[in-house]
Amino acid sequence: MNAQNIKDSILQLAIQGKLVKQVKKETSVKEYINTIKDERKQLIKEGKIKKQKSLPKIEDNEIPFDIPDNWTWARMGDVIDFINGRAYKKEELMSEGKYPVLRVGNFFTNKNWYYSDMELEESKYCNKGDLLYAWSASFGPKIWDGDKSIFHYHIWKLDFDSRVFFRDYLYWFLLQDVTIIKKSTTGTTMVHVSMVNMRPRLIPIPPIEEQKRIVAKIEELLPYIDQYDKAYAEVEELNKKFPEDMQKSILQYAIQGKLVEQREEEGTAEELYQEIQEEKKRLIEEGKVKKPKKLMEITDEEIPYDIPENWKWVRLGDIFEINPRNTLNDDTNVSFIPMTLIEDGYRSEFSFETRSWGKVKKGYTHFRDGDIVMAKITPCFQNLKSAIMINLENGMGAGTTELHVLRAYHNICLKFFLWFLKSPIFVSTCVSAMTGTAGQQRVGTDTITNYVVPLPPLEEQKRIMDKIEEVLPHCKQLDK
């Protein structure tokens, strides 16, 4: 239950006579209501006020809930006068003037004022302490706390007898009634509640002293509701973040060698690394890949955390060819992938369009089946737009220039390294190294090439990947 639900419940208890105890000696306001009706009849007879359409007697089947014996039901139009504001022509409103003009647009914000110098009958002004009600667009009551103002046509000023209503009780009743009021609104482009709809509405009225005690109890409880609201929002935020935080933690454990056990029979990462270097040398000698620039030895200062003894720290450029190019016939159909077709988050999903190689070989990034692609520009990089290319048209593709492409020199578990590229430590480190102007910042090629990554033995890479894919779906279920 959120804070608004609690507040609604408290207000509902208040208007049902269940929030404070009744005091038998407190007199019902029913006799005052009858007096008011008689006084109005006399004023109408004397021509001092206009006669309004009589409201029907309250029938038993209209009463929505029971109230205490010393309370009474009344129709709003019998106990409240709804005084409408004045409609204005554009030329009557000014940027400066004697009286602020209160409109629906600034009813709750006190901003974007217009002013007027017109002198009107007193009923068309609202003064500090008046109870107002916006009846179109923004619905609800407000106790006016500003200077003397002219109130606009879409606002009512409520006039009532202090023998019947304590102003703040009436305010709280109208506030809790807003939801029901909205269900009775009419109109299309600007919905509103009409006077015809408002006047017959029922309102439960306690004795004046009980109204005051009800208001005091509400005001006593509100600070606790506000505190609860803050705590509830914090818990909701934690709940919202928990699945993503779990995913981040799982990936962090994975790349630190803490997700699965190490097995001696699976060999060492050093052995795998040597195999990769031998394969890279062969590919260079055969002219299948360009000879890369020799990378610097990894220093102790570059190592961010401890890894198992049978793992090895390497640079991405040691085990991947970074941003390679493809060569094939111009009339070959290939996959074309703009950034919008690469899914974000903790997944490896994409779709593609089909184009001929001749149309995309220039001015675009190249890739093929088995390559890892990752966005290099903000915010796509932070949104984890990255994927392993599989089932491309004729095994080849091209796409947005805002991608880095990693092509493995040798047999490694691509999914392990894809998950590494989505890990929080990789993302945060690369973000801090981005260059470019705001909104156009990118992860540079040198940053990717020289990035230090942990290399587990091949079989352990596969087991880590299996464990990640076993656990991550449970995080998604938590998110749902």
Protein backbone atom coordinates (compact mmCIF):
# COMPACT_ATOMS: atom_id res chain seq x y z
CA MET A 1 0.00 0.00 0.00
CA ASN A 2 1.49 3.32 -1.02
CA ALA A 3 1.15 6.63 0.82
CA GLN A 4 -1.71 7.82 -1.36
CA ASN A 5 -3.67 4.65 -0.59
CA ILE A 6 -3.15 5.24 3.14
CA LYS A 7 -4.18 8.88 2.82
CA ASP A 8 -7.29 7.87 0.89
CA SER A 9 -8.14 5.32 3.58
CA ILE A 10 -7.73 7.87 6.37
CA LEU A 11 -9.96 10.37 4.58
CA GLN A 12 -12.54 7.68 3.93
CA LEU A 13 -12.58 6.78 7.63
CA ALA A 14 -12.89 10.49 8.43
CA ILE A 15 -16.03 11.05 6.33
CA GLN A 16 -17.62 7.86 7.69
CA GLY A 17 -17.23 8.96 11.31
CA LYS A 18 -14.60 6.32 12.11
CA LEU A 19 -11.51 8.45 12.60
CA VAL A 20 -12.37 10.06 15.95
CA LYS A 21 -14.83 9.25 18.72
CA GLN A 22 -18.27 10.83 18.78
CA VAL A 23 -19.24 12.98 21.76
CA LYS A 24 -22.93 12.64 22.64
CA LYS A 25 -23.32 16.20 23.85
CA GLU A 26 -22.23 17.64 20.51
CA THR A 27 -25.27 18.90 18.61
CA SER A 28 -26.16 17.83 15.10
CA VAL A 29 -26.01 20.56 12.44
CA LYS A 30 -29.36 19.44 11.00
CA GLU A 31 -31.27 22.24 12.70
CA TYR A 32 -28.87 24.81 11.24
CA ILE A 33 -29.37 23.35 7.77
CA ASN A 34 -33.11 23.82 8.10
CA THR A 35 -32.53 27.38 9.33
CA ILE A 36 -30.33 28.10 6.30
CA LYS A 37 -33.04 26.85 3.96
CA ASP A 38 -35.59 29.11 5.61
CA GLU A 39 -33.22 32.09 5.43
CA ARG A 40 -32.63 31.47 1.70
CA LYS A 41 -36.34 31.34 1.03
CA GLN A 42 -36.71 34.72 2.69
CA LEU A 43 -33.81 36.22 0.70
CA ILE A 44 -35.33 34.91 -2.54
CA LYS A 45 -38.69 36.37 -1.58
CA GLU A 46 -37.00 39.73 -0.96
CA GLY A 47 -35.21 39.51 -4.35
CA LYS A 48 -31.76 39.59 -2.78
CA ILE A 49 -30.65 36.28 -4.29
CA LYS A 50 -31.77 34.33 -7.32
CA LYS A 51 -33.91 31.25 -6.93
CA GLN A 52 -32.15 28.08 -7.94
CA LYS A 53 -33.67 24.81 -9.01
CA SER A 54 -34.91 22.88 -5.99
CA LEU A 55 -32.96 19.75 -5.15
CA PRO A 56 -34.81 16.47 -4.56
CA LYS A 57 -35.20 14.87 -1.18
CA ILE A 58 -32.46 12.39 -0.29
CA GLU A 59 -33.67 8.81 -0.76
CA ASP A 60 -32.39 5.88 1.30
CA ASN A 61 -31.02 4.10 -1.77
CA GLU A 62 -28.73 7.07 -2.51
CA ILE A 63 -26.85 6.92 0.79
CA PRO A 64 -23.45 5.29 0.11
CA PHE A 65 -22.53 4.33 3.70
CA ASP A 66 -23.71 4.56 7.30
CA ILE A 67 -22.78 7.57 9.45
CA PRO A 68 -23.10 8.23 13.20
CA ASP A 69 -26.52 9.16 14.57
CA ASN A 70 -25.60 12.80 15.24
CA TRP A 71 -24.31 13.33 11.69
CA THR A 72 -26.56 14.26 8.80
CA TRP A 73 -26.60 13.89 5.04
CA ALA A 74 -27.20 16.92 2.84
CA ARG A 75 -27.02 17.82 -0.80
CA MET A 76 -24.14 20.18 -1.49
CA GLY A 77 -26.37 22.70 -3.23
CA ASP A 78 -28.50 23.01 -0.08
CA VAL A 79 -25.56 23.91 2.15
CA ILE A 80 -22.96 25.42 -0.19
CA ASP A 81 -23.15 28.24 -2.71
CA PHE A 82 -20.82 27.66 -5.67
CA ILE A 83 -19.85 31.11 -6.90
CA ASN A 84 -18.40 31.01 -10.40
CA GLY A 85 -15.55 33.24 -11.47
CA ARG A 86 -15.50 35.64 -14.38
CA ALA A 87 -14.58 34.85 -17.98
CA TYR A 88 -12.10 37.30 -19.49
CA LYS A 89 -11.33 38.61 -22.91
CA LYS A 90 -7.68 38.47 -23.88
CA GLU A 91 -7.33 42.24 -23.99
CA GLU A 92 -8.57 42.51 -20.38
CA LEU A 93 -5.55 40.62 -19.05
CA MET A 94 -2.21 42.31 -18.49
CA SER A 95 1.37 41.47 -17.59
CA GLU A 96 1.10 43.82 -14.58
CA GLY A 97 -1.86 45.20 -12.69
CA LYS A 98 -3.63 45.64 -9.38
CA TYR A 99 -5.13 42.15 -9.02
CA PRO A 100 -3.62 38.78 -9.94
CA VAL A 101 -5.97 36.65 -12.04
CA LEU A 102 -6.24 33.13 -10.68
CA ARG A 103 -6.80 30.61 -13.46
CA VAL A 104 -6.92 26.81 -13.63
CA GLY A 105 -3.41 26.88 -15.12
CA ASN A 106 -1.89 28.51 -12.03
CA PHE A 107 -4.43 27.26 -9.52
CA PHE A 108 -2.00 24.88 -7.81
CA THR A 109 1.33 26.35 -8.93
CA ASN A 110 0.93 30.13 -8.42
CA LYS A 111 2.90 30.64 -11.66
CA ASN A 112 2.29 32.33 -15.01
CA TRP A 113 0.14 35.14 -13.70
CA TYR A 114 -1.98 37.60 -15.61
CA TYR A 115 -3.27 40.75 -13.94
CA SER A 116 -6.29 43.04 -14.10
CA ASP A 117 -7.16 46.56 -12.93
CA MET A 118 -10.91 45.99 -13.15
CA GLU A 119 -13.02 46.73 -10.09
CA LEU A 120 -15.65 44.00 -9.74
CA GLU A 121 -18.34 43.01 -7.31
CA GLU A 122 -16.84 41.51 -4.18
CA SER A 123 -18.06 37.99 -4.95
CA LYS A 124 -15.67 37.83 -7.93
CA TYR A 125 -12.59 38.18 -5.73
CA CYS A 126 -10.97 35.51 -3.62
CA ASN A 127 -9.13 36.42 -0.45
CA LYS A 128 -6.65 34.57 1.69
CA GLY A 129 -8.44 31.73 3.47
CA ASP A 130 -11.21 31.29 0.90
CA LEU A 131 -12.05 27.75 -0.16
CA LEU A 132 -11.84 27.39 -3.94
CA TYR A 133 -12.55 24.54 -6.31
CA ALA A 134 -11.18 24.06 -9.85
CA TRP A 135 -13.91 22.43 -11.87
CA SER A 136 -12.16 21.90 -15.22
CA ALA A 137 -8.84 20.46 -16.38
CA SER A 138 -7.15 20.37 -12.94
CA PHE A 139 -9.77 19.23 -10.47
CA GLY A 140 -9.93 19.74 -6.78
CA PRO A 141 -10.12 22.12 -3.82
CA LYS A 142 -7.58 24.63 -2.60
CA ILE A 143 -7.52 26.92 0.39
CA TRP A 144 -6.31 30.16 -1.12
CA ASP A 145 -3.18 31.42 0.58
CA GLY A 146 -2.29 34.34 -1.70
CA ASP A 147 -3.25 37.98 -2.01
CA LYS A 148 -6.66 39.24 -3.03
CA SER A 149 -7.21 37.96 -6.55
CA ILE A 150 -9.80 37.77 -9.28
CA PHE A 151 -10.67 34.15 -9.93
CA HIS A 152 -11.37 32.89 -13.40
CA TYR A 153 -14.51 31.28 -14.82
CA HIS A 154 -13.27 27.70 -14.35
CA ILE A 155 -13.01 28.12 -10.57
CA TRP A 156 -15.71 28.19 -7.93
CA LYS A 157 -15.49 30.04 -4.66
CA LEU A 158 -17.42 28.12 -2.02
CA ASP A 159 -19.67 30.12 0.29
CA PHE A 160 -21.03 28.23 3.32
CA ASP A 161 -22.37 28.85 6.81
CA SER A 162 -19.85 28.45 9.61
CA ARG A 163 -22.62 26.92 11.77
CA VAL A 164 -22.63 23.96 9.35
CA PHE A 165 -19.06 23.63 8.12
CA PHE A 166 -15.60 23.97 9.52
CA ARG A 167 -13.76 25.07 6.38
CA ASP A 168 -10.92 22.55 6.61
CA TYR A 169 -13.31 19.61 7.03
CA LEU A 170 -15.05 20.65 3.85
CA TYR A 171 -11.64 20.91 2.13
CA TRP A 172 -10.65 17.37 3.12
CA PHE A 173 -14.02 15.99 2.08
CA LEU A 174 -13.75 17.58 -1.34
CA LEU A 175 -10.17 16.37 -1.72
CA GLN A 176 -11.05 12.73 -1.10
CA ASP A 177 -14.05 13.11 -3.38
CA VAL A 178 -11.95 14.19 -6.37
CA THR A 179 -11.61 10.64 -7.73
CA ILE A 180 -15.36 10.13 -7.70
CA ILE A 181 -15.90 13.61 -9.17
CA LYS A 182 -13.64 12.80 -12.10
CA LYS A 183 -15.81 9.82 -12.98
CA SER A 184 -18.71 12.26 -13.39
CA THR A 185 -16.90 14.71 -15.65
CA THR A 186 -18.15 15.70 -19.07
CA GLY A 187 -16.55 17.15 -22.16
CA THR A 188 -13.91 16.08 -24.66
CA THR A 189 -10.97 18.43 -25.18
CA MET A 190 -11.49 20.03 -21.74
CA VAL A 191 -13.37 17.79 -19.36
CA HIS A 192 -15.21 19.45 -16.50
CA VAL A 193 -17.71 18.85 -13.73
CA SER A 194 -20.84 20.93 -14.07
CA MET A 195 -22.80 22.81 -11.45
CA VAL A 196 -25.75 20.60 -12.36
CA ASN A 197 -23.70 17.59 -11.35
CA MET A 198 -22.13 19.17 -8.26
CA ARG A 199 -25.14 20.64 -6.47
CA PRO A 200 -27.07 17.35 -5.98
CA ARG A 201 -24.02 15.49 -4.62
CA LEU A 202 -24.28 14.12 -1.08
CA ILE A 203 -22.01 15.16 1.74
CA PRO A 204 -21.95 13.73 5.30
CA ILE A 205 -21.82 16.50 7.91
CA PRO A 206 -20.66 15.90 11.50
CA PRO A 207 -21.23 18.33 14.37
CA ILE A 208 -18.89 21.33 14.08
CA GLU A 209 -16.75 20.30 17.04
CA GLU A 210 -16.28 16.83 15.60
CA GLN A 211 -15.33 18.35 12.25
CA LYS A 212 -12.56 20.23 14.04
CA ARG A 213 -11.38 17.07 15.80
CA ILE A 214 -11.40 15.17 12.51
CA VAL A 215 -9.25 17.85 10.89
CA ALA A 216 -6.87 17.86 13.86
CA LYS A 217 -6.47 14.07 13.61
CA ILE A 218 -5.83 14.24 9.85
CA GLU A 219 -3.21 16.94 10.35
CA GLU A 220 -1.64 14.87 13.12
CA LEU A 221 -1.36 11.84 10.82
CA LEU A 222 -0.17 13.60 7.67
CA PRO A 223 3.50 13.97 8.73
CA TYR A 224 3.64 10.22 9.37
CA ILE A 225 2.16 9.58 5.92
CA ASP A 226 4.79 11.86 4.40
CA GLN A 227 7.52 9.93 6.22
CA TYR A 228 6.00 6.67 5.04
CA ASP A 229 5.81 8.02 1.50
CA LYS A 230 9.51 8.80 1.53
CA ALA A 231 10.39 5.38 2.93
CA TYR A 232 8.01 3.67 0.50
CA ALA A 233 9.60 5.50 -2.45
CA GLU A 234 13.05 4.41 -1.29
CA VAL A 235 11.92 0.78 -1.02
CA GLU A 236 10.27 0.97 -4.44
CA GLU A 237 13.48 2.34 -5.91
CA LEU A 238 15.46 -0.48 -4.29
CA ASN A 239 13.00 -3.04 -5.62
CA LYS A 240 13.23 -1.47 -9.06
CA LYS A 241 17.03 -1.55 -9.03
CA PHE A 242 17.38 -4.95 -7.37
CA PRO A 243 17.07 -7.12 -10.54
CA GLU A 244 19.60 -4.98 -12.43
CA ASP A 245 21.93 -4.88 -9.43
CA MET A 246 21.68 -8.67 -9.25
CA GLN A 247 22.60 -8.96 -12.93
CA LYS A 248 25.57 -6.66 -12.42
CA SER A 249 26.71 -8.64 -9.39
CA ILE A 250 26.45 -11.94 -11.26
CA LEU A 251 28.58 -10.61 -14.11
CA GLN A 252 31.11 -9.17 -11.69
CA TYR A 253 31.40 -12.52 -9.87
CA ALA A 254 31.76 -14.22 -13.26
CA ILE A 255 34.68 -12.14 -14.48
CA GLN A 256 36.45 -12.44 -11.12
CA GLY A 257 36.36 -16.24 -11.18
CA LYS A 258 33.86 -16.51 -8.32
CA LEU A 259 30.84 -17.89 -10.17
CA VAL A 260 32.07 -21.46 -10.77
CA GLU A 261 34.87 -23.53 -9.28
CA GLN A 262 38.27 -23.92 -10.96
CA ARG A 263 39.28 -27.39 -12.21
CA GLU A 264 42.90 -28.39 -12.52
CA GLU A 265 42.21 -30.82 -15.37
CA GLU A 266 41.01 -27.94 -17.58
CA GLY A 267 44.52 -26.56 -17.89
CA THR A 268 45.56 -22.93 -17.56
CA ALA A 269 44.81 -19.68 -19.32
CA GLU A 270 48.52 -19.37 -20.14
CA GLU A 271 48.25 -22.48 -22.31
CA LEU A 272 45.18 -21.06 -24.07
CA TYR A 273 46.91 -17.71 -24.53
CA GLN A 274 49.89 -19.36 -26.25
CA GLU A 275 47.52 -21.22 -28.59
CA ILE A 276 45.85 -17.89 -29.47
CA GLN A 277 49.21 -16.27 -30.21
CA GLU A 278 50.29 -19.15 -32.44
CA GLU A 279 47.01 -18.97 -34.37
CA LYS A 280 47.33 -15.18 -34.69
CA LYS A 281 50.89 -15.60 -36.06
CA ARG A 282 49.66 -18.12 -38.63
CA LEU A 283 46.82 -15.84 -39.77
CA ILE A 284 49.25 -12.94 -40.17
CA GLU A 285 51.70 -15.05 -42.17
CA GLU A 286 48.89 -16.19 -44.46
CA GLY A 287 47.78 -12.59 -44.97
CA LYS A 288 44.35 -13.21 -43.48
CA VAL A 289 44.76 -10.54 -40.81
CA LYS A 290 46.94 -7.46 -40.58
CA LYS A 291 49.85 -7.51 -38.19
CA PRO A 292 48.75 -5.45 -35.20
CA LYS A 293 50.85 -2.97 -33.31
CA LYS A 294 52.73 -4.60 -30.44
CA LEU A 295 50.95 -3.96 -27.16
CA MET A 296 52.65 -2.95 -23.94
CA GLU A 297 53.18 -5.38 -21.09
CA ILE A 298 50.47 -5.23 -18.42
CA THR A 299 51.62 -3.46 -15.26
CA ASP A 300 50.49 -4.18 -11.69
CA GLU A 301 48.80 -0.77 -11.59
CA GLU A 302 46.45 -1.81 -14.41
CA ILE A 303 45.15 -4.91 -12.64
CA PRO A 304 41.79 -3.99 -11.02
CA TYR A 305 41.12 -7.11 -8.92
CA ASP A 306 42.41 -10.57 -8.06
CA ILE A 307 41.67 -13.55 -10.32
CA PRO A 308 42.30 -17.31 -9.90
CA GLU A 309 45.87 -18.53 -10.31
CA ASN A 310 45.09 -20.47 -13.47
CA TRP A 311 43.65 -17.36 -15.17
CA LYS A 312 45.71 -14.74 -17.03
CA TRP A 313 45.42 -10.98 -17.57
CA VAL A 314 45.54 -10.06 -21.27
CA ARG A 315 44.64 -7.09 -23.43
CA LEU A 316 41.61 -7.31 -25.71
CA GLY A 317 43.94 -6.61 -28.64
CA ASP A 318 45.94 -9.74 -27.72
CA ILE A 319 43.03 -12.06 -28.37
CA PHE A 320 40.79 -10.09 -30.77
CA GLU A 321 41.33 -8.33 -34.05
CA ILE A 322 39.76 -4.93 -33.47
CA ASN A 323 37.59 -3.40 -36.20
CA PRO A 324 38.58 -5.69 -39.10
CA ARG A 325 37.42 -5.26 -42.69
CA ASN A 326 35.69 -7.75 -45.03
CA THR A 327 36.41 -8.52 -48.66
CA LEU A 328 33.78 -10.09 -50.98
CA ASN A 329 32.01 -9.58 -54.28
CA ASP A 330 29.91 -6.41 -54.65
CA ASP A 331 26.82 -8.32 -55.76
CA THR A 332 26.78 -10.51 -52.64
CA ASN A 333 23.81 -9.89 -50.39
CA VAL A 334 24.79 -9.18 -46.77
CA SER A 335 23.12 -8.10 -43.55
CA PHE A 336 22.91 -4.37 -42.86
CA ILE A 337 22.43 -3.36 -39.20
CA PRO A 338 21.79 0.22 -38.08
CA MET A 339 22.07 0.95 -34.35
CA THR A 340 18.29 0.82 -33.92
CA LEU A 341 18.26 -2.89 -34.81
CA ILE A 342 20.65 -3.88 -32.00
CA GLU A 343 18.84 -4.62 -28.74
CA ASP A 344 20.14 -3.17 -25.49
CA GLY A 345 20.49 -4.69 -22.03
CA TYR A 346 21.67 -8.10 -20.91
CA ARG A 347 21.02 -9.98 -24.13
CA SER A 348 22.50 -10.63 -27.56
CA GLU A 349 19.71 -9.86 -30.00
CA PHE A 350 19.56 -7.97 -33.27
CA SER A 351 17.76 -7.91 -36.59
CA PHE A 352 18.93 -6.77 -40.01
CA GLU A 353 18.06 -5.52 -43.46
CA THR A 354 19.45 -7.15 -46.61
CA ARG A 355 21.63 -5.09 -48.97
CA SER A 356 24.24 -5.79 -51.57
CA TRP A 357 27.86 -5.58 -50.45
CA GLY A 358 28.63 -2.96 -53.08
CA LYS A 359 26.21 -0.53 -51.44
CA VAL A 360 27.55 -0.89 -47.88
CA LYS A 361 31.22 -1.75 -48.13
CA LYS A 362 32.23 1.92 -47.93
CA GLY A 363 31.35 4.24 -45.06
CA TYR A 364 30.16 1.48 -42.72
CA THR A 365 31.53 -0.89 -40.10
CA HIS A 366 32.28 -4.45 -41.30
CA PHE A 367 31.55 -7.68 -39.42
CA ARG A 368 30.84 -11.35 -40.01
CA ASP A 369 29.39 -14.36 -38.21
CA GLY A 370 31.24 -14.93 -34.95
CA ASP A 371 32.19 -11.27 -34.39
CA ILE A 372 31.20 -9.36 -31.26
CA VAL A 373 29.86 -5.89 -31.99
CA MET A 374 29.42 -3.19 -29.35
CA ALA A 375 28.16 0.38 -29.49
CA LYS A 376 30.87 2.93 -28.87
CA ILE A 377 28.78 6.11 -28.61
CA THR A 378 26.80 7.42 -25.67
CA PRO A 379 24.11 6.56 -24.58
CA CYS A 380 24.03 3.35 -26.66
CA PHE A 381 27.26 2.14 -25.03
CA GLN A 382 25.87 2.64 -21.51
CA ASN A 383 22.62 0.95 -22.60
CA LEU A 384 24.66 -2.19 -23.41
CA LYS A 385 23.93 -2.38 -27.12
CA SER A 386 26.19 -5.30 -27.98
CA ALA A 387 25.73 -8.72 -29.55
CA ILE A 388 27.41 -11.72 -31.15
CA MET A 389 26.80 -11.81 -34.90
CA ILE A 390 25.18 -15.06 -35.99
CA ASN A 391 23.12 -16.15 -39.02
CA LEU A 392 24.01 -13.10 -41.07
CA GLU A 393 23.08 -13.05 -44.75
CA ASN A 394 25.87 -15.06 -46.39
CA GLY A 395 27.68 -14.84 -43.06
CA MET A 396 28.65 -11.21 -43.66
CA GLY A 397 27.42 -7.79 -42.68
CA ALA A 398 27.96 -4.06 -42.32
CA GLY A 399 26.32 -1.42 -40.21
CA THR A 400 26.47 1.79 -38.26
CA THR A 401 29.87 3.41 -37.90
CA GLU A 402 29.19 3.77 -34.16
CA LEU A 403 30.29 0.18 -33.50
CA HIS A 404 33.49 -1.48 -32.39
CA VAL A 405 33.97 -5.00 -33.77
CA LEU A 406 35.95 -7.74 -31.97
CA ARG A 407 36.97 -10.74 -34.09
CA ALA A 408 38.57 -13.61 -32.16
CA TYR A 409 41.91 -14.91 -33.40
CA HIS A 410 41.27 -18.39 -32.01
CA ASN A 411 38.63 -20.60 -30.47
CA ILE A 412 37.35 -18.90 -27.31
CA CYS A 413 33.90 -18.67 -25.68
CA LEU A 414 32.50 -15.56 -27.32
CA LYS A 415 29.58 -15.33 -24.89
CA PHE A 416 31.97 -15.09 -21.93
CA PHE A 417 33.56 -12.02 -23.48
CA LEU A 418 30.21 -10.56 -24.53
CA TRP A 419 29.11 -10.73 -20.90
CA PHE A 420 32.41 -9.12 -19.92
CA LEU A 421 31.64 -6.21 -22.26
CA LYS A 422 28.32 -5.79 -20.45
CA SER A 423 29.88 -5.95 -16.97
CA PRO A 424 29.65 -2.81 -14.78
CA ILE A 425 33.42 -2.46 -14.34
CA PHE A 426 34.04 -2.50 -18.10
CA VAL A 427 31.25 -0.01 -18.78
CA SER A 428 32.24 2.41 -16.01
CA THR A 429 35.93 2.31 -16.94
CA CYS A 430 35.23 2.96 -20.61
CA VAL A 431 32.79 5.77 -19.80
CA SER A 432 35.51 7.53 -17.82
CA ALA A 433 37.82 7.23 -20.86
CA MET A 434 35.29 8.54 -23.42
CA THR A 435 36.23 11.50 -25.56
CA GLY A 436 34.16 13.98 -27.57
CA THR A 437 31.55 16.64 -26.94
CA ALA A 438 28.49 16.21 -24.70
CA GLY A 439 25.99 13.81 -26.27
CA GLN A 440 28.59 12.67 -28.83
CA GLN A 441 31.14 10.96 -26.60
CA ARG A 442 32.74 7.73 -27.78
CA VAL A 443 34.89 4.88 -26.53
CA GLY A 444 38.08 5.06 -28.58
CA THR A 445 39.70 2.18 -30.47
CA ASP A 446 42.85 2.46 -28.34
CA THR A 447 40.76 2.10 -25.17
CA ILE A 448 39.25 -1.16 -26.46
CA THR A 449 42.51 -2.53 -27.89
CA ASN A 450 44.48 -1.94 -24.69
CA TYR A 451 41.73 -2.85 -22.23
CA VAL A 452 42.95 -5.41 -19.68
CA VAL A 453 40.65 -8.44 -19.36
CA PRO A 454 40.83 -11.71 -17.42
CA LEU A 455 41.30 -14.84 -19.55
CA PRO A 456 40.08 -18.11 -17.96
CA PRO A 457 40.81 -21.56 -19.41
CA LEU A 458 38.46 -22.34 -22.31
CA GLU A 459 36.38 -24.97 -20.53
CA GLU A 460 35.91 -22.70 -17.55
CA GLN A 461 34.78 -19.90 -19.90
CA LYS A 462 32.07 -22.24 -21.14
CA ARG A 463 30.99 -23.24 -17.63
CA ILE A 464 30.86 -19.59 -16.56
CA MET A 465 28.74 -18.78 -19.59
CA ASP A 466 26.38 -21.67 -18.81
CA LYS A 467 26.00 -20.50 -15.22
CA ILE A 468 25.32 -16.90 -16.28
CA GLU A 469 22.62 -18.02 -18.70
CA GLU A 470 21.12 -20.23 -16.02
CA VAL A 471 20.93 -17.45 -13.42
CA LEU A 472 20.11 -14.30 -15.43
CA PRO A 473 16.56 -15.40 -16.39
CA HIS A 474 15.72 -15.49 -12.68
CA CYS A 475 16.76 -11.83 -12.44
CA LYS A 476 14.40 -11.03 -15.31
CA GLN A 477 11.58 -12.76 -13.40
CA LEU A 478 12.34 -10.53 -10.39
CA ASP A 479 12.11 -7.52 -12.70
CA LYS A 480 8.64 -8.60 -13.82
